[in-house]
Amino acid sequence: MEPTSPLSSPPSSPRPSAQPSLQTPRPASASSSAPTPGLDAPLPAHPAQIPGPAALPPLVLGSTSRYRRELLERLRLPFETASPEVDETPQPGEAPATLSERLALAKAREVAARHPNAVVIGSDQVAELDGQPIGKPGNHQRAAEQLRAMSGRAVIFHTAVAVLRPATGFERLQRAVVKVRFRDLSDAEIEAYLRAEQPYDCAGSAKCEALGIALLDAIESDDPTALIGLPLIATARLLREAGLDVLAALGRP
């Protein structure tokens, strides 16, 4: 056996293997470069803006009649008026219903040519007695003649309305028919009425919305304002079809 050197250390025992640590890992400090959820994460893309309601198209009434203007104001839509440059002379043998439709459409088309971005309303009214048109009297004598001719008779009022929207190609026409029965009128009653109301700018020489109602026995119609000059039920319907809904437009710019 080889002798051991006095300077030699005794052989060391093998070191036991490291035991797994039971200590919970310490969380990273605030200065850690790892991103903090909700703070360092990239922001989501900005959501798209929801567009508001589209602006209303301009509305133009192709008429200078104060009666039609006052009726259209009932629908609470902003509008302007324009005078249509149209010859209203009846064509030879033209029926009153056809005349009212032709003139309403002609008025709307003439105004639309000057307002291509607008919704345009045109209207015309023709009274009919014995198949013949009765126009606006214009003066006292002709008004008295009209009322004497209509006394005790039924008169048909044709009120046509046309709505155009050139930007979309929309063009529609409707006609409202009103049957008015006049009571038997004396010359004294006719004179008293004409002196009081002077309806010389009204077809048929009577204002049913005012004192003229005293001249009548009955009115038959499914669109009551047609007799005054503009059938609002038909007008509102055509405006909806043209893309201008009266109720949906309330409060919009």
C-alpha atoms as a PDB file:
ATOM      1  CA  MET A   1       0.000   0.000   0.000  1.00  0.00           C
ATOM      2  CA  GLU A   2       1.288   3.432  -0.994  1.00  0.00           C
ATOM      3  CA  PRO A   3       1.862   5.699   2.038  1.00  0.00           C
ATOM      4  CA  THR A   4      -0.206   8.929   2.260  1.00  0.00           C
ATOM      5  CA  SER A   5       1.580  12.251   2.078  1.00  0.00           C
ATOM      6  CA  PRO A   6       1.158  14.311   5.187  1.00  0.00           C
ATOM      7  CA  LEU A   7       0.166  17.331   3.026  1.00  0.00           C
ATOM      8  CA  SER A   8      -2.532  15.557   1.176  1.00  0.00           C
ATOM      9  CA  SER A   9      -6.151  16.251   2.133  1.00  0.00           C
ATOM     10  CA  PRO A  10      -8.391  13.373   2.727  1.00  0.00           C
ATOM     11  CA  PRO A  11     -10.613  12.613  -0.217  1.00  0.00           C
ATOM     12  CA  SER A  12     -13.800  14.747  -0.119  1.00  0.00           C
ATOM     13  CA  SER A  13     -17.226  13.239  -0.036  1.00  0.00           C
ATOM     14  CA  PRO A  14     -19.352  13.874  -3.106  1.00  0.00           C
ATOM     15  CA  ARG A  15     -21.689  17.013  -2.735  1.00  0.00           C
ATOM     16  CA  PRO A  16     -25.336  16.276  -2.636  1.00  0.00           C
ATOM     17  CA  SER A  17     -27.291  17.474  -5.723  1.00  0.00           C
ATOM     18  CA  ALA A  18     -29.164  20.811  -5.396  1.00  0.00           C
ATOM     19  CA  GLN A  19     -32.708  20.518  -4.096  1.00  0.00           C
ATOM     20  CA  PRO A  20     -35.446  22.357  -6.012  1.00  0.00           C
ATOM     21  CA  SER A  21     -36.310  25.655  -4.377  1.00  0.00           C
ATOM     22  CA  LEU A  22     -39.662  25.954  -2.682  1.00  0.00           C
ATOM     23  CA  GLN A  23     -39.528  29.759  -2.738  1.00  0.00           C
ATOM     24  CA  THR A  24     -42.105  31.519  -4.946  1.00  0.00           C
ATOM     25  CA  PRO A  25     -40.435  33.528  -7.710  1.00  0.00           C
ATOM     26  CA  ARG A  26     -40.473  37.253  -7.015  1.00  0.00           C
ATOM     27  CA  PRO A  27     -42.564  39.295  -9.420  1.00  0.00           C
ATOM     28  CA  ALA A  28     -40.782  41.556 -11.848  1.00  0.00           C
ATOM     29  CA  SER A  29     -40.210  45.066 -10.571  1.00  0.00           C
ATOM     30  CA  ALA A  30     -42.076  48.036 -11.970  1.00  0.00           C
ATOM     31  CA  SER A  31     -38.955  48.955 -13.878  1.00  0.00           C
ATOM     32  CA  SER A  32     -39.098  45.700 -15.810  1.00  0.00           C
ATOM     33  CA  SER A  33     -39.142  46.100 -19.551  1.00  0.00           C
ATOM     34  CA  ALA A  34     -42.025  43.647 -19.915  1.00  0.00           C
ATOM     35  CA  PRO A  35     -45.229  45.442 -21.138  1.00  0.00           C
ATOM     36  CA  THR A  36     -47.944  46.014 -18.562  1.00  0.00           C
ATOM     37  CA  PRO A  37     -51.327  44.834 -19.799  1.00  0.00           C
ATOM     38  CA  GLY A  38     -53.706  47.727 -20.365  1.00  0.00           C
ATOM     39  CA  LEU A  39     -50.960  50.357 -20.089  1.00  0.00           C
ATOM     40  CA  ASP A  40     -48.157  49.443 -22.429  1.00  0.00           C
ATOM     41  CA  ALA A  41     -50.271  47.457 -24.870  1.00  0.00           C
ATOM     42  CA  PRO A  42     -50.952  49.265 -28.178  1.00  0.00           C
ATOM     43  CA  LEU A  43     -54.224  51.203 -28.287  1.00  0.00           C
ATOM     44  CA  PRO A  44     -56.956  49.824 -30.527  1.00  0.00           C
ATOM     45  CA  ALA A  45     -57.673  51.618 -33.767  1.00  0.00           C
ATOM     46  CA  HIS A  46     -60.074  54.567 -33.399  1.00  0.00           C
ATOM     47  CA  PRO A  47     -63.612  53.416 -34.250  1.00  0.00           C
ATOM     48  CA  ALA A  48     -65.116  54.817 -37.431  1.00  0.00           C
ATOM     49  CA  GLN A  49     -67.331  57.837 -36.938  1.00  0.00           C
ATOM     50  CA  ILE A  50     -71.022  57.079 -37.366  1.00  0.00           C
ATOM     51  CA  PRO A  51     -72.379  59.490 -39.949  1.00  0.00           C
ATOM     52  CA  GLY A  52     -75.348  61.604 -38.935  1.00  0.00           C
ATOM     53  CA  PRO A  53     -78.546  61.872 -40.963  1.00  0.00           C
ATOM     54  CA  ALA A  54     -78.108  63.292 -44.423  1.00  0.00           C
ATOM     55  CA  ALA A  55     -79.174  66.886 -44.938  1.00  0.00           C
ATOM     56  CA  LEU A  56     -82.594  67.406 -46.472  1.00  0.00           C
ATOM     57  CA  PRO A  57     -82.669  68.285 -50.157  1.00  0.00           C
ATOM     58  CA  PRO A  58     -83.983  71.779 -50.892  1.00  0.00           C
ATOM     59  CA  LEU A  59     -87.739  71.929 -51.391  1.00  0.00           C
ATOM     60  CA  VAL A  60     -89.244  74.380 -53.870  1.00  0.00           C
ATOM     61  CA  LEU A  61     -92.930  75.130 -54.353  1.00  0.00           C
ATOM     62  CA  GLY A  62     -93.484  76.088 -57.971  1.00  0.00           C
ATOM     63  CA  SER A  63     -96.257  78.539 -57.220  1.00  0.00           C
ATOM     64  CA  THR A  64     -96.739  82.085 -56.004  1.00  0.00           C
ATOM     65  CA  SER A  65    -100.234  81.331 -54.670  1.00  0.00           C
ATOM     66  CA  ARG A  66    -100.486  82.359 -51.035  1.00  0.00           C
ATOM     67  CA  TYR A  67    -103.103  79.615 -50.521  1.00  0.00           C
ATOM     68  CA  ARG A  68    -100.689  76.872 -51.615  1.00  0.00           C
ATOM     69  CA  ARG A  69     -97.872  78.423 -49.616  1.00  0.00           C
ATOM     70  CA  GLU A  70     -99.990  78.471 -46.455  1.00  0.00           C
ATOM     71  CA  LEU A  71    -101.087  74.864 -47.023  1.00  0.00           C
ATOM     72  CA  LEU A  72     -97.536  73.585 -47.577  1.00  0.00           C
ATOM     73  CA  GLU A  73     -96.433  75.326 -44.365  1.00  0.00           C
ATOM     74  CA  ARG A  74     -98.648  72.863 -42.473  1.00  0.00           C
ATOM     75  CA  LEU A  75     -96.148  70.084 -43.276  1.00  0.00           C
ATOM     76  CA  ARG A  76     -93.419  71.977 -41.342  1.00  0.00           C
ATOM     77  CA  LEU A  77     -90.798  71.537 -44.030  1.00  0.00           C
ATOM     78  CA  PRO A  78     -88.479  74.412 -44.966  1.00  0.00           C
ATOM     79  CA  PHE A  79     -89.141  75.494 -48.533  1.00  0.00           C
ATOM     80  CA  GLU A  80     -88.908  78.382 -50.929  1.00  0.00           C
ATOM     81  CA  THR A  81     -91.243  79.452 -53.687  1.00  0.00           C
ATOM     82  CA  ALA A  82     -90.584  80.101 -57.355  1.00  0.00           C
ATOM     83  CA  SER A  83     -92.865  81.509 -60.021  1.00  0.00           C
ATOM     84  CA  PRO A  84     -93.332  79.050 -62.904  1.00  0.00           C
ATOM     85  CA  GLU A  85     -93.167  80.601 -66.350  1.00  0.00           C
ATOM     86  CA  VAL A  86     -95.959  78.563 -67.952  1.00  0.00           C
ATOM     87  CA  ASP A  87     -98.716  79.484 -70.410  1.00  0.00           C
ATOM     88  CA  GLU A  88    -101.943  78.327 -68.740  1.00  0.00           C
ATOM     89  CA  THR A  89    -104.153  78.704 -71.817  1.00  0.00           C
ATOM     90  CA  PRO A  90    -106.278  75.563 -72.350  1.00  0.00           C
ATOM     91  CA  GLN A  91    -105.670  73.690 -75.564  1.00  0.00           C
ATOM     92  CA  PRO A  92    -108.619  73.310 -77.970  1.00  0.00           C
ATOM     93  CA  GLY A  93    -110.993  70.632 -76.696  1.00  0.00           C
ATOM     94  CA  GLU A  94    -108.812  69.897 -73.636  1.00  0.00           C
ATOM     95  CA  ALA A  95    -110.747  68.288 -70.787  1.00  0.00           C
ATOM     96  CA  PRO A  96    -110.549  70.027 -67.379  1.00  0.00           C
ATOM     97  CA  ALA A  97    -108.921  66.978 -65.722  1.00  0.00           C
ATOM     98  CA  THR A  98    -106.281  66.780 -68.454  1.00  0.00           C
ATOM     99  CA  LEU A  99    -105.677  70.525 -68.257  1.00  0.00           C
ATOM    100  CA  SER A 100    -105.018  70.431 -64.507  1.00  0.00           C
ATOM    101  CA  GLU A 101    -102.532  67.554 -64.879  1.00  0.00           C
ATOM    102  CA  ARG A 102    -100.728  69.112 -67.841  1.00  0.00           C
ATOM    103  CA  LEU A 103    -100.292  72.451 -66.089  1.00  0.00           C
ATOM    104  CA  ALA A 104     -99.189  70.949 -62.743  1.00  0.00           C
ATOM    105  CA  LEU A 105     -96.496  68.920 -64.510  1.00  0.00           C
ATOM    106  CA  ALA A 106     -95.445  71.827 -66.726  1.00  0.00           C
ATOM    107  CA  LYS A 107     -95.046  74.108 -63.699  1.00  0.00           C
ATOM    108  CA  ALA A 108     -92.963  71.547 -61.815  1.00  0.00           C
ATOM    109  CA  ARG A 109     -90.731  70.846 -64.830  1.00  0.00           C
ATOM    110  CA  GLU A 110     -90.124  74.520 -65.555  1.00  0.00           C
ATOM    111  CA  VAL A 111     -89.103  75.259 -61.958  1.00  0.00           C
ATOM    112  CA  ALA A 112     -87.045  72.036 -61.701  1.00  0.00           C
ATOM    113  CA  ALA A 113     -84.996  73.115 -64.705  1.00  0.00           C
ATOM    114  CA  ARG A 114     -83.853  76.093 -62.607  1.00  0.00           C
ATOM    115  CA  HIS A 115     -83.453  74.087 -59.386  1.00  0.00           C
ATOM    116  CA  PRO A 116     -81.907  70.750 -60.466  1.00  0.00           C
ATOM    117  CA  ASN A 117     -80.802  69.765 -56.941  1.00  0.00           C
ATOM    118  CA  ALA A 118     -84.182  70.369 -55.323  1.00  0.00           C
ATOM    119  CA  VAL A 119     -87.425  68.508 -54.820  1.00  0.00           C
ATOM    120  CA  VAL A 120     -90.017  70.565 -56.714  1.00  0.00           C
ATOM    121  CA  ILE A 121     -93.795  70.733 -56.287  1.00  0.00           C
ATOM    122  CA  GLY A 122     -96.105  71.956 -59.040  1.00  0.00           C
ATOM    123  CA  SER A 123     -99.872  72.191 -58.760  1.00  0.00           C
ATOM    124  CA  ASP A 124    -102.879  73.402 -60.687  1.00  0.00           C
ATOM    125  CA  GLN A 125    -106.624  73.495 -60.113  1.00  0.00           C
ATOM    126  CA  VAL A 126    -109.399  73.576 -62.698  1.00  0.00           C
ATOM    127  CA  ALA A 127    -113.113  73.724 -61.892  1.00  0.00           C
ATOM    128  CA  GLU A 128    -115.508  71.917 -64.204  1.00  0.00           C
ATOM    129  CA  LEU A 129    -119.160  72.629 -64.953  1.00  0.00           C
ATOM    130  CA  ASP A 130    -120.968  70.771 -67.726  1.00  0.00           C
ATOM    131  CA  GLY A 131    -117.625  69.451 -68.984  1.00  0.00           C
ATOM    132  CA  GLN A 132    -116.157  72.919 -69.436  1.00  0.00           C
ATOM    133  CA  PRO A 133    -113.321  74.472 -67.419  1.00  0.00           C
ATOM    134  CA  ILE A 134    -114.071  77.342 -65.071  1.00  0.00           C
ATOM    135  CA  GLY A 135    -111.104  79.570 -64.382  1.00  0.00           C
ATOM    136  CA  LYS A 136    -110.396  82.400 -61.978  1.00  0.00           C
ATOM    137  CA  PRO A 137    -112.928  85.194 -62.510  1.00  0.00           C
ATOM    138  CA  GLY A 138    -110.492  88.074 -62.110  1.00  0.00           C
ATOM    139  CA  ASN A 139    -113.221  90.644 -61.438  1.00  0.00           C
ATOM    140  CA  HIS A 140    -116.593  91.124 -59.785  1.00  0.00           C
ATOM    141  CA  GLN A 141    -118.771  90.783 -62.896  1.00  0.00           C
ATOM    142  CA  ARG A 142    -117.303  87.455 -63.980  1.00  0.00           C
ATOM    143  CA  ALA A 143    -117.431  86.122 -60.418  1.00  0.00           C
ATOM    144  CA  ALA A 144    -121.156  86.937 -60.221  1.00  0.00           C
ATOM    145  CA  GLU A 145    -121.726  85.161 -63.559  1.00  0.00           C
ATOM    146  CA  GLN A 146    -119.890  82.062 -62.312  1.00  0.00           C
ATOM    147  CA  LEU A 147    -121.864  81.851 -59.084  1.00  0.00           C
ATOM    148  CA  ARG A 148    -125.191  82.299 -60.881  1.00  0.00           C
ATOM    149  CA  ALA A 149    -124.221  79.479 -63.272  1.00  0.00           C
ATOM    150  CA  MET A 150    -123.245  77.187 -60.356  1.00  0.00           C
ATOM    151  CA  SER A 151    -126.283  77.960 -58.182  1.00  0.00           C
ATOM    152  CA  GLY A 152    -128.063  74.702 -57.300  1.00  0.00           C
ATOM    153  CA  ARG A 153    -125.506  72.677 -59.276  1.00  0.00           C
ATOM    154  CA  ALA A 154    -122.632  70.257 -58.607  1.00  0.00           C
ATOM    155  CA  VAL A 155    -119.201  71.456 -59.651  1.00  0.00           C
ATOM    156  CA  ILE A 156    -116.120  69.240 -59.943  1.00  0.00           C
ATOM    157  CA  PHE A 157    -112.751  70.647 -58.882  1.00  0.00           C
ATOM    158  CA  HIS A 158    -109.669  68.912 -60.297  1.00  0.00           C
ATOM    159  CA  THR A 159    -106.519  69.663 -58.299  1.00  0.00           C
ATOM    160  CA  ALA A 160    -103.371  68.061 -59.678  1.00  0.00           C
ATOM    161  CA  VAL A 161     -99.983  67.955 -57.921  1.00  0.00           C
ATOM    162  CA  ALA A 162     -96.656  66.928 -59.427  1.00  0.00           C
ATOM    163  CA  VAL A 163     -93.423  66.224 -57.527  1.00  0.00           C
ATOM    164  CA  LEU A 164     -90.069  66.106 -59.297  1.00  0.00           C
ATOM    165  CA  ARG A 165     -86.554  65.348 -58.077  1.00  0.00           C
ATOM    166  CA  PRO A 166     -84.221  65.799 -61.062  1.00  0.00           C
ATOM    167  CA  ALA A 167     -81.163  64.436 -59.222  1.00  0.00           C
ATOM    168  CA  THR A 168     -82.767  60.982 -58.982  1.00  0.00           C
ATOM    169  CA  GLY A 169     -85.057  61.113 -62.029  1.00  0.00           C
ATOM    170  CA  PHE A 170     -88.179  60.981 -59.844  1.00  0.00           C
ATOM    171  CA  GLU A 171     -91.337  62.381 -61.468  1.00  0.00           C
ATOM    172  CA  ARG A 172     -94.854  61.597 -60.277  1.00  0.00           C
ATOM    173  CA  LEU A 173     -98.290  63.167 -60.655  1.00  0.00           C
ATOM    174  CA  GLN A 174    -101.590  62.716 -58.807  1.00  0.00           C
ATOM    175  CA  ARG A 175    -104.958  64.403 -59.135  1.00  0.00           C
ATOM    176  CA  ALA A 176    -107.537  64.877 -56.379  1.00  0.00           C
ATOM    177  CA  VAL A 177    -111.194  65.268 -57.312  1.00  0.00           C
ATOM    178  CA  VAL A 178    -113.605  67.270 -55.173  1.00  0.00           C
ATOM    179  CA  LYS A 179    -117.351  67.434 -55.800  1.00  0.00           C
ATOM    180  CA  VAL A 180    -118.980  70.611 -54.517  1.00  0.00           C
ATOM    181  CA  ARG A 181    -122.744  71.094 -54.420  1.00  0.00           C
ATOM    182  CA  PHE A 182    -123.847  74.720 -54.366  1.00  0.00           C
ATOM    183  CA  ARG A 183    -127.181  75.546 -52.827  1.00  0.00           C
ATOM    184  CA  ASP A 184    -129.708  77.711 -54.653  1.00  0.00           C
ATOM    185  CA  LEU A 185    -128.358  81.259 -54.460  1.00  0.00           C
ATOM    186  CA  SER A 186    -130.242  84.502 -54.884  1.00  0.00           C
ATOM    187  CA  ASP A 187    -128.669  87.491 -56.614  1.00  0.00           C
ATOM    188  CA  ALA A 188    -128.679  89.338 -53.281  1.00  0.00           C
ATOM    189  CA  GLU A 189    -126.747  86.520 -51.614  1.00  0.00           C
ATOM    190  CA  ILE A 190    -124.235  86.417 -54.438  1.00  0.00           C
ATOM    191  CA  GLU A 191    -123.669  90.157 -54.231  1.00  0.00           C
ATOM    192  CA  ALA A 192    -123.354  90.125 -50.455  1.00  0.00           C
ATOM    193  CA  TYR A 193    -120.814  87.338 -50.565  1.00  0.00           C
ATOM    194  CA  LEU A 194    -118.692  88.840 -53.339  1.00  0.00           C
ATOM    195  CA  ARG A 195    -118.591  92.252 -51.676  1.00  0.00           C
ATOM    196  CA  ALA A 196    -117.518  90.689 -48.392  1.00  0.00           C
ATOM    197  CA  GLU A 197    -114.844  88.240 -49.603  1.00  0.00           C
ATOM    198  CA  GLN A 198    -113.861  89.318 -53.137  1.00  0.00           C
ATOM    199  CA  PRO A 199    -112.681  85.847 -54.219  1.00  0.00           C
ATOM    200  CA  TYR A 200    -111.612  87.008 -57.653  1.00  0.00           C
ATOM    201  CA  ASP A 201    -108.395  84.974 -57.612  1.00  0.00           C
ATOM    202  CA  CYS A 202    -110.178  81.662 -56.896  1.00  0.00           C
ATOM    203  CA  ALA A 203    -111.457  79.213 -59.473  1.00  0.00           C
ATOM    204  CA  GLY A 204    -115.212  78.947 -58.941  1.00  0.00           C
ATOM    205  CA  SER A 205    -115.437  82.337 -57.218  1.00  0.00           C
ATOM    206  CA  ALA A 206    -115.748  80.936 -53.681  1.00  0.00           C
ATOM    207  CA  LYS A 207    -113.430  80.301 -50.726  1.00  0.00           C
ATOM    208  CA  CYS A 208    -114.696  77.206 -48.983  1.00  0.00           C
ATOM    209  CA  GLU A 209    -112.198  77.673 -46.138  1.00  0.00           C
ATOM    210  CA  ALA A 210    -113.813  80.994 -45.278  1.00  0.00           C
ATOM    211  CA  LEU A 211    -117.174  82.694 -45.860  1.00  0.00           C
ATOM    212  CA  GLY A 212    -117.730  80.790 -49.099  1.00  0.00           C
ATOM    213  CA  ILE A 213    -118.753  77.743 -47.076  1.00  0.00           C
ATOM    214  CA  ALA A 214    -122.128  79.486 -46.609  1.00  0.00           C
ATOM    215  CA  LEU A 215    -122.797  79.064 -50.346  1.00  0.00           C
ATOM    216  CA  LEU A 216    -122.574  75.268 -50.263  1.00  0.00           C
ATOM    217  CA  ASP A 217    -124.738  72.263 -49.522  1.00  0.00           C
ATOM    218  CA  ALA A 218    -121.980  69.627 -49.471  1.00  0.00           C
ATOM    219  CA  ILE A 219    -118.347  68.823 -50.246  1.00  0.00           C
ATOM    220  CA  GLU A 220    -117.231  65.333 -51.219  1.00  0.00           C
ATOM    221  CA  SER A 221    -113.500  64.572 -51.209  1.00  0.00           C
ATOM    222  CA  ASP A 222    -110.872  62.137 -49.921  1.00  0.00           C
ATOM    223  CA  ASP A 223    -108.223  64.891 -49.779  1.00  0.00           C
ATOM    224  CA  PRO A 224    -109.901  67.878 -48.047  1.00  0.00           C
ATOM    225  CA  THR A 225    -107.290  70.588 -48.703  1.00  0.00           C
ATOM    226  CA  ALA A 226    -107.454  69.956 -52.452  1.00  0.00           C
ATOM    227  CA  LEU A 227    -110.338  72.394 -52.743  1.00  0.00           C
ATOM    228  CA  ILE A 228    -108.170  75.182 -51.293  1.00  0.00           C
ATOM    229  CA  GLY A 229    -105.457  74.569 -53.881  1.00  0.00           C
ATOM    230  CA  LEU A 230    -103.064  71.809 -52.778  1.00  0.00           C
ATOM    231  CA  PRO A 231    -104.040  68.217 -51.872  1.00  0.00           C
ATOM    232  CA  LEU A 232    -101.812  67.631 -48.842  1.00  0.00           C
ATOM    233  CA  ILE A 233    -102.480  63.895 -48.542  1.00  0.00           C
ATOM    234  CA  ALA A 234    -101.291  63.362 -52.116  1.00  0.00           C
ATOM    235  CA  THR A 235     -98.448  65.848 -51.664  1.00  0.00           C
ATOM    236  CA  ALA A 236     -97.095  64.126 -48.542  1.00  0.00           C
ATOM    237  CA  ARG A 237     -97.346  60.746 -50.292  1.00  0.00           C
ATOM    238  CA  LEU A 238     -95.391  61.943 -53.321  1.00  0.00           C
ATOM    239  CA  LEU A 239     -92.756  63.602 -51.142  1.00  0.00           C
ATOM    240  CA  ARG A 240     -92.216  60.299 -49.298  1.00  0.00           C
ATOM    241  CA  GLU A 241     -91.791  58.502 -52.597  1.00  0.00           C
ATOM    242  CA  ALA A 242     -89.287  61.151 -53.677  1.00  0.00           C
ATOM    243  CA  GLY A 243     -87.233  60.527 -50.519  1.00  0.00           C
ATOM    244  CA  LEU A 244     -88.500  63.422 -48.407  1.00  0.00           C
ATOM    245  CA  ASP A 245     -90.523  61.924 -45.570  1.00  0.00           C
ATOM    246  CA  VAL A 246     -92.388  64.673 -43.719  1.00  0.00           C
ATOM    247  CA  LEU A 247     -92.323  63.063 -40.266  1.00  0.00           C
ATOM    248  CA  ALA A 248     -88.777  61.679 -40.545  1.00  0.00           C
ATOM    249  CA  ALA A 249     -87.586  65.168 -41.493  1.00  0.00           C
ATOM    250  CA  LEU A 250     -88.751  66.797 -38.255  1.00  0.00           C
ATOM    251  CA  GLY A 251     -85.797  68.367 -36.473  1.00  0.00           C
ATOM    252  CA  ARG A 252     -83.302  67.549 -39.208  1.00  0.00           C
ATOM    253  CA  PRO A 253     -81.127  70.271 -40.816  1.00  0.00           C
END
